[in-house]
Amino acid sequence: MIANANQMKNGTEKTAKGNGAAATAAIQARVERVGWERIYADLDAQGWAIAPKLLTHAEADAVSDLYHRDDGFRSHVIMGRHGFGRGEYKYFSYPLPPIIQALRVATYPHLVPVANKWHERMSKDVRFPASHAAFLDRCHKAGQVRPTPLLLEYAPDDYNCLHRDLYGEHVFPIQIAILLDQPGEDFEGGEFVMTEQRPRMQTRAMVLPLKKGDAAIFAVNSRPMKGVRGDYQVKLNHGVSKLYSGKRHTVGVIFHDAT
């Protein structure tokens, strides 16, 4: 039994951290099968979209199991110490686990057209290069060299206050969060929540219906909205409501690095 348990643990760690070529190929193939036209339409309409089953359950388990390892992370944040909520998270260090690296590299080119379109509509001068490597080079030349992908863990009564993940001058306007546990089975509560503030209007709240392995693709800070006199900007925040029971893990894939 002990041998079998160790084999299972080693296999889980290998899925997340090792066998990089196989992990990268699997993620790339799955990303290509995403219905990107629907994603684009949802992002334009509401500032968020869901890509179902972007990670398999085995991949989700492998990533969440990394949380209790000592290596592979650059920092550990206890939310309550900073007024961020309750719960904790860790920022990955470079080199990223193959699954996380593959997600960053494979999804970025599909989001660049939306990012550039949004900036054009919001009258922002910045445009984004076609490859993530080129964008990271821009970040690093500006002193944004710390990796931002992170792994979050919530226990009962934990929550994450509404916020925006802005880490420096260079900000890619879209990011991804993937739920790694199954609602109703692994935990209760803990909904992924977004709010949208339109000029001279009350704030709108949105709850994203995520299941294990689903990816929320959403605006980091602002997005354009068509009005009667042209486009205008709306601001968005995201967070997590209070967890009532169980454990909840999420991996955040942010495309810009931090100062």
Protein backbone atom coordinates (compact mmCIF):
# COMPACT_ATOMS: atom_id res chain seq x y z
CA MET A 1 0.00 0.00 0.00
CA ILE A 2 2.82 2.40 0.86
CA ALA A 3 4.56 1.61 -2.41
CA ASN A 4 1.34 2.23 -4.37
CA ALA A 5 0.79 5.54 -2.56
CA ASN A 6 4.32 6.64 -3.36
CA GLN A 7 3.88 5.64 -6.99
CA MET A 8 0.67 7.67 -7.21
CA LYS A 9 2.35 10.68 -5.58
CA ASN A 10 5.35 10.43 -7.91
CA GLY A 11 3.03 10.14 -10.90
CA THR A 12 1.08 13.23 -9.84
CA GLU A 13 4.26 15.27 -9.39
CA LYS A 14 5.56 14.06 -12.75
CA THR A 15 2.33 15.20 -14.44
CA ALA A 16 2.72 18.71 -13.06
CA LYS A 17 6.48 19.21 -12.98
CA GLY A 18 8.08 16.61 -15.19
CA ASN A 19 7.51 15.09 -18.62
CA GLY A 20 7.47 18.62 -20.00
CA ALA A 21 7.19 17.76 -23.70
CA ALA A 22 4.11 15.57 -23.19
CA ALA A 23 2.44 18.11 -20.88
CA THR A 24 3.13 20.93 -23.32
CA ALA A 25 1.80 18.99 -26.30
CA ALA A 26 -1.39 18.00 -24.47
CA ILE A 27 -2.10 21.57 -23.36
CA GLN A 28 -1.36 23.02 -26.79
CA ALA A 29 -3.70 20.55 -28.49
CA ARG A 30 -6.50 21.27 -26.01
CA VAL A 31 -6.07 25.03 -26.34
CA GLU A 32 -6.39 24.74 -30.12
CA ARG A 33 -9.73 22.95 -29.66
CA VAL A 34 -11.23 25.76 -27.58
CA GLY A 35 -14.11 27.54 -29.30
CA TRP A 36 -12.26 30.82 -29.55
CA GLU A 37 -14.93 32.65 -31.54
CA ARG A 38 -17.36 32.10 -28.66
CA ILE A 39 -14.69 33.18 -26.17
CA TYR A 40 -14.14 36.41 -28.13
CA ALA A 41 -17.87 37.12 -28.29
CA ASP A 42 -18.30 36.56 -24.53
CA LEU A 43 -15.28 38.70 -23.66
CA ASP A 44 -16.65 41.58 -25.75
CA ALA A 45 -20.17 41.18 -24.36
CA GLN A 46 -19.43 40.77 -20.65
CA GLY A 47 -15.70 40.95 -19.95
CA TRP A 48 -15.36 37.24 -19.17
CA ALA A 49 -15.72 33.83 -20.78
CA ILE A 50 -15.39 30.20 -19.72
CA ALA A 51 -13.32 27.55 -21.48
CA PRO A 52 -14.67 24.25 -20.10
CA LYS A 53 -12.29 21.44 -19.17
CA LEU A 54 -9.11 23.28 -20.12
CA LEU A 55 -7.36 21.01 -17.62
CA THR A 56 -8.18 17.35 -17.07
CA HIS A 57 -9.02 16.29 -13.52
CA ALA A 58 -5.63 14.55 -13.28
CA GLU A 59 -3.84 17.73 -14.37
CA ALA A 60 -5.88 19.81 -11.92
CA ASP A 61 -4.97 17.45 -9.07
CA ALA A 62 -1.31 17.52 -10.09
CA VAL A 63 -1.20 21.31 -10.02
CA SER A 64 -3.06 21.67 -6.70
CA ASP A 65 -0.75 19.07 -5.12
CA LEU A 66 2.20 21.36 -5.83
CA TYR A 67 0.94 23.79 -3.18
CA HIS A 68 2.45 21.93 -0.25
CA ARG A 69 5.90 21.60 -1.80
CA ASP A 70 8.64 23.91 -0.59
CA ASP A 71 10.38 24.27 -3.93
CA GLY A 72 9.10 25.92 -7.08
CA PHE A 73 7.74 29.12 -5.52
CA ARG A 74 9.22 32.58 -5.07
CA SER A 75 6.88 33.86 -2.30
CA HIS A 76 4.06 32.83 0.04
CA VAL A 77 1.30 35.33 0.85
CA ILE A 78 -1.11 35.07 3.80
CA MET A 79 -4.03 37.23 2.69
CA GLY A 80 -5.18 38.28 6.16
CA ARG A 81 -1.84 39.96 6.90
CA HIS A 82 -2.34 42.38 4.01
CA GLY A 83 -6.10 42.98 4.10
CA PHE A 84 -6.60 40.90 0.96
CA GLY A 85 -9.16 38.57 2.57
CA ARG A 86 -8.58 35.17 4.18
CA GLY A 87 -6.64 32.30 2.66
CA GLU A 88 -3.23 32.13 1.10
CA TYR A 89 -1.41 31.84 -2.18
CA LYS A 90 2.04 31.23 -3.62
CA TYR A 91 3.72 32.75 -6.66
CA PHE A 92 5.57 30.27 -8.83
CA SER A 93 9.26 30.84 -9.52
CA TYR A 94 11.01 30.37 -12.85
CA PRO A 95 11.21 27.92 -14.47
CA LEU A 96 7.44 27.44 -14.30
CA PRO A 97 5.97 23.92 -14.11
CA PRO A 98 5.46 22.64 -17.68
CA ILE A 99 1.64 22.76 -17.41
CA ILE A 100 1.68 26.41 -16.31
CA GLN A 101 4.28 27.40 -18.89
CA ALA A 102 2.31 25.63 -21.63
CA LEU A 103 -0.92 27.38 -20.63
CA ARG A 104 0.79 30.78 -20.70
CA VAL A 105 2.46 30.25 -24.07
CA ALA A 106 -0.41 28.47 -25.84
CA THR A 107 -3.29 30.74 -24.82
CA TYR A 108 -1.52 34.10 -25.21
CA PRO A 109 -1.59 34.22 -29.07
CA HIS A 110 -5.33 33.55 -29.06
CA LEU A 111 -5.94 36.47 -26.69
CA VAL A 112 -3.67 39.00 -28.42
CA PRO A 113 -6.27 39.96 -31.07
CA VAL A 114 -8.80 40.81 -28.35
CA ALA A 115 -6.19 42.67 -26.28
CA ASN A 116 -5.13 44.82 -29.24
CA LYS A 117 -8.72 45.43 -30.30
CA TRP A 118 -9.65 46.50 -26.77
CA HIS A 119 -6.73 48.92 -26.56
CA GLU A 120 -7.66 50.41 -29.91
CA ARG A 121 -11.27 50.88 -28.83
CA MET A 122 -10.16 52.44 -25.52
CA SER A 123 -7.75 54.80 -27.34
CA LYS A 124 -4.69 53.25 -25.70
CA ASP A 125 -1.46 53.43 -27.69
CA VAL A 126 0.08 50.17 -26.48
CA ARG A 127 -0.17 47.11 -28.73
CA PHE A 128 0.91 43.58 -27.88
CA PRO A 129 3.30 41.35 -29.87
CA ALA A 130 2.18 38.04 -31.32
CA SER A 131 4.29 35.82 -29.04
CA HIS A 132 4.37 35.69 -25.26
CA ALA A 133 8.17 35.54 -25.29
CA ALA A 134 8.28 38.91 -27.04
CA PHE A 135 5.85 40.41 -24.53
CA LEU A 136 7.86 39.05 -21.58
CA ASP A 137 10.99 40.58 -23.09
CA ARG A 138 9.21 43.94 -23.02
CA CYS A 139 8.27 43.40 -19.37
CA HIS A 140 11.76 42.33 -18.36
CA LYS A 141 13.43 45.32 -20.05
CA ALA A 142 11.16 47.53 -17.95
CA GLY A 143 12.21 45.78 -14.72
CA GLN A 144 9.15 43.50 -14.48
CA VAL A 145 11.09 40.25 -14.01
CA ARG A 146 9.22 38.34 -11.28
CA PRO A 147 6.81 35.63 -12.49
CA THR A 148 3.15 36.20 -11.65
CA PRO A 149 1.40 32.81 -12.16
CA LEU A 150 0.13 31.75 -8.75
CA LEU A 151 -1.56 28.95 -6.86
CA LEU A 152 -4.26 29.78 -4.30
CA GLU A 153 -5.64 27.68 -1.45
CA TYR A 154 -8.84 28.35 0.51
CA ALA A 155 -10.16 26.64 3.66
CA PRO A 156 -13.50 27.18 5.46
CA ASP A 157 -14.29 30.89 6.06
CA ASP A 158 -11.62 31.99 3.57
CA TYR A 159 -12.38 34.50 0.82
CA ASN A 160 -10.57 36.82 -1.58
CA CYS A 161 -11.45 40.51 -1.67
CA LEU A 162 -12.28 42.14 -5.00
CA HIS A 163 -9.08 43.26 -6.69
CA ARG A 164 -7.12 43.70 -9.93
CA ASP A 165 -3.81 41.98 -10.67
CA LEU A 166 -1.68 44.93 -11.76
CA TYR A 167 2.06 44.50 -11.22
CA GLY A 168 3.77 47.28 -13.16
CA GLU A 169 3.63 49.55 -16.19
CA HIS A 170 3.13 46.72 -18.67
CA VAL A 171 -0.19 44.95 -18.18
CA PHE A 172 -1.75 42.40 -20.52
CA PRO A 173 -5.49 43.17 -20.25
CA ILE A 174 -6.74 39.56 -20.01
CA GLN A 175 -5.88 36.77 -17.59
CA ILE A 176 -6.98 33.21 -16.76
CA ALA A 177 -8.00 31.44 -13.55
CA ILE A 178 -8.58 27.68 -13.51
CA LEU A 179 -10.57 25.95 -10.77
CA LEU A 180 -8.75 22.84 -9.51
CA ASP A 181 -11.45 21.28 -7.27
CA GLN A 182 -15.06 20.25 -7.82
CA PRO A 183 -17.81 22.48 -6.33
CA GLY A 184 -20.34 20.50 -4.29
CA GLU A 185 -17.89 17.65 -3.81
CA ASP A 186 -14.57 19.09 -2.68
CA PHE A 187 -15.93 22.36 -1.28
CA GLU A 188 -19.07 24.45 -0.72
CA GLY A 189 -19.31 28.20 -1.33
CA GLY A 190 -16.24 29.91 -2.75
CA GLU A 191 -17.81 31.24 -5.95
CA PHE A 192 -15.66 33.18 -8.42
CA VAL A 193 -17.14 36.69 -8.44
CA MET A 194 -16.62 39.68 -10.72
CA THR A 195 -17.97 43.22 -10.53
CA GLU A 196 -18.30 45.76 -13.32
CA GLN A 197 -18.48 49.50 -12.74
CA ARG A 198 -19.89 51.56 -15.60
CA PRO A 199 -19.69 55.36 -15.50
CA ARG A 200 -22.60 56.94 -13.62
CA MET A 201 -24.21 53.53 -13.02
CA GLN A 202 -24.41 51.19 -10.05
CA THR A 203 -21.99 48.26 -9.84
CA ARG A 204 -23.03 44.98 -11.48
CA ALA A 205 -22.04 41.68 -9.82
CA MET A 206 -21.42 38.48 -11.80
CA VAL A 207 -20.88 34.91 -10.53
CA LEU A 208 -18.95 32.68 -12.92
CA PRO A 209 -20.22 29.05 -13.03
CA LEU A 210 -16.97 27.10 -12.87
CA LYS A 211 -16.39 23.38 -12.47
CA LYS A 212 -13.15 21.49 -11.89
CA GLY A 213 -10.73 22.10 -14.76
CA ASP A 214 -12.73 25.01 -16.21
CA ALA A 215 -10.89 28.21 -17.06
CA ALA A 216 -12.29 31.68 -16.45
CA ILE A 217 -10.85 34.09 -19.02
CA PHE A 218 -11.47 37.66 -17.94
CA ALA A 219 -10.48 41.31 -18.06
CA VAL A 220 -7.67 42.28 -15.69
CA ASN A 221 -8.63 45.92 -15.22
CA SER A 222 -10.87 47.49 -17.86
CA ARG A 223 -12.60 46.70 -21.12
CA PRO A 224 -14.40 48.72 -23.80
CA MET A 225 -18.17 48.91 -24.03
CA LYS A 226 -20.11 50.32 -26.94
CA GLY A 227 -22.29 53.31 -26.07
CA VAL A 228 -24.53 55.62 -28.07
CA ARG A 229 -21.57 57.99 -28.58
CA GLY A 230 -18.92 55.37 -29.19
CA ASP A 231 -16.87 53.15 -26.93
CA TYR A 232 -16.16 53.87 -23.28
CA GLN A 233 -14.24 52.06 -20.53
CA VAL A 234 -15.73 49.98 -17.75
CA LYS A 235 -13.71 48.81 -14.75
CA LEU A 236 -13.76 45.23 -13.48
CA ASN A 237 -12.66 43.52 -10.28
CA HIS A 238 -12.58 39.87 -9.35
CA GLY A 239 -12.53 37.85 -6.14
CA VAL A 240 -13.86 34.75 -4.37
CA SER A 241 -16.81 34.56 -1.97
CA LYS A 242 -16.56 32.86 1.43
CA LEU A 243 -15.84 29.15 1.47
CA TYR A 244 -18.20 27.22 3.77
CA SER A 245 -16.51 23.83 3.80
CA GLY A 246 -13.75 21.79 2.20
CA LYS A 247 -10.68 23.02 0.33
CA ARG A 248 -10.56 25.06 -2.87
CA HIS A 249 -7.53 25.57 -5.13
CA THR A 250 -7.14 27.83 -8.13
CA VAL A 251 -4.24 28.45 -10.48
CA GLY A 252 -3.95 31.96 -11.89
CA VAL A 253 -2.25 32.47 -15.25
CA ILE A 254 -1.22 36.11 -15.59
CA PHE A 255 0.69 37.06 -18.70
CA HIS A 256 2.69 40.09 -17.49
CA ASP A 257 5.47 39.77 -14.92
CA ALA A 258 5.91 41.90 -11.81
CA THR A 259 8.41 44.53 -10.67
